[in-house]
């Protein structure tokens, strides 16, 4: 049985979690509402989808 007082810190911001470079270019620390990691994740998903479409159109 889990301790009900135990709180997961999965949403806690760590400097190493947001190493996309955007904040360092801007000279700021990442905030808890930083959208850059999510933006990069979406771009990777789009890249994968485009790759699948490309392989469907032009099979190797």
C-alpha atoms as a PDB file:
ATOM      1  CA  UNK A   1       0.000   0.000   0.000  1.00  0.00           C
ATOM      2  CA  UNK A   2       1.413   3.359  -1.006  1.00  0.00           C
ATOM      3  CA  UNK A   3       1.797   6.190   1.438  1.00  0.00           C
ATOM      4  CA  UNK A   4      -0.997   8.652   0.625  1.00  0.00           C
ATOM      5  CA  UNK A   5       1.184  11.539   1.794  1.00  0.00           C
ATOM      6  CA  UNK A   6       3.834  10.774  -0.787  1.00  0.00           C
ATOM      7  CA  UNK A   7       3.723  13.284  -3.628  1.00  0.00           C
ATOM      8  CA  UNK A   8       5.134  12.528  -7.037  1.00  0.00           C
ATOM      9  CA  UNK A   9       7.521  15.216  -8.260  1.00  0.00           C
ATOM     10  CA  UNK A  10       7.106  14.362 -11.945  1.00  0.00           C
ATOM     11  CA  UNK A  11       6.096  17.954 -12.716  1.00  0.00           C
ATOM     12  CA  UNK A  12       8.995  19.420 -10.767  1.00  0.00           C
ATOM     13  CA  UNK A  13      11.278  21.476 -12.990  1.00  0.00           C
ATOM     14  CA  UNK A  14      14.864  20.339 -13.201  1.00  0.00           C
ATOM     15  CA  UNK A  15      17.454  22.327 -15.141  1.00  0.00           C
ATOM     16  CA  UNK A  16      18.608  19.180 -16.942  1.00  0.00           C
ATOM     17  CA  UNK A  17      15.038  18.344 -18.059  1.00  0.00           C
ATOM     18  CA  UNK A  18      14.873  21.429 -20.261  1.00  0.00           C
ATOM     19  CA  UNK A  19      18.182  21.373 -22.085  1.00  0.00           C
ATOM     20  CA  UNK A  20      16.797  22.344 -25.497  1.00  0.00           C
ATOM     21  CA  UNK A  21      19.003  25.438 -25.602  1.00  0.00           C
ATOM     22  CA  UNK A  22      16.180  27.976 -25.949  1.00  0.00           C
ATOM     23  CA  UNK A  23      16.430  29.287 -22.402  1.00  0.00           C
ATOM     24  CA  UNK A  24      20.216  29.518 -22.503  1.00  0.00           C
ATOM     25  CA  UNK A  25      20.020  31.500 -25.753  1.00  0.00           C
ATOM     26  CA  UNK A  26      17.501  33.849 -24.123  1.00  0.00           C
ATOM     27  CA  UNK A  27      19.627  34.009 -20.964  1.00  0.00           C
ATOM     28  CA  UNK A  28      16.834  32.825 -18.687  1.00  0.00           C
ATOM     29  CA  UNK A  29      16.109  29.802 -16.549  1.00  0.00           C
ATOM     30  CA  UNK A  30      13.291  27.544 -17.700  1.00  0.00           C
ATOM     31  CA  UNK A  31      10.008  28.048 -15.923  1.00  0.00           C
ATOM     32  CA  UNK A  32       7.492  25.411 -14.927  1.00  0.00           C
ATOM     33  CA  UNK A  33       5.303  26.456 -17.873  1.00  0.00           C
ATOM     34  CA  UNK A  34       8.086  26.052 -20.447  1.00  0.00           C
ATOM     35  CA  UNK A  35       6.572  24.832 -23.713  1.00  0.00           C
ATOM     36  CA  UNK A  36       9.828  24.207 -25.570  1.00  0.00           C
ATOM     37  CA  UNK A  37      10.193  20.549 -24.474  1.00  0.00           C
ATOM     38  CA  UNK A  38       6.616  19.830 -25.565  1.00  0.00           C
ATOM     39  CA  UNK A  39       7.184  21.734 -28.825  1.00  0.00           C
ATOM     40  CA  UNK A  40      10.278  19.633 -29.560  1.00  0.00           C
ATOM     41  CA  UNK A  41       8.331  16.452 -28.753  1.00  0.00           C
ATOM     42  CA  UNK A  42       5.586  17.459 -31.216  1.00  0.00           C
ATOM     43  CA  UNK A  43       8.188  18.244 -33.886  1.00  0.00           C
ATOM     44  CA  UNK A  44       9.693  14.760 -33.442  1.00  0.00           C
ATOM     45  CA  UNK A  45       6.227  13.204 -33.816  1.00  0.00           C
ATOM     46  CA  UNK A  46       5.621  15.214 -37.004  1.00  0.00           C
ATOM     47  CA  UNK A  47       9.029  14.171 -38.341  1.00  0.00           C
ATOM     48  CA  UNK A  48       8.159  10.514 -37.731  1.00  0.00           C
ATOM     49  CA  UNK A  49       4.783  10.893 -39.444  1.00  0.00           C
ATOM     50  CA  UNK A  50       6.342  12.626 -42.453  1.00  0.00           C
ATOM     51  CA  UNK A  51       8.945   9.883 -42.683  1.00  0.00           C
ATOM     52  CA  UNK A  52       6.193   7.241 -42.700  1.00  0.00           C
ATOM     53  CA  UNK A  53       4.320   9.097 -45.442  1.00  0.00           C
ATOM     54  CA  UNK A  54       7.507   9.462 -47.464  1.00  0.00           C
ATOM     55  CA  UNK A  55       8.238   5.728 -47.217  1.00  0.00           C
ATOM     56  CA  UNK A  56       4.654   4.934 -48.249  1.00  0.00           C
ATOM     57  CA  UNK A  57       4.921   7.151 -51.328  1.00  0.00           C
ATOM     58  CA  UNK A  58       8.499   6.260 -52.249  1.00  0.00           C
ATOM     59  CA  UNK A  59       9.215   2.716 -51.043  1.00  0.00           C
ATOM     60  CA  UNK A  60      12.885   1.813 -50.986  1.00  0.00           C
END
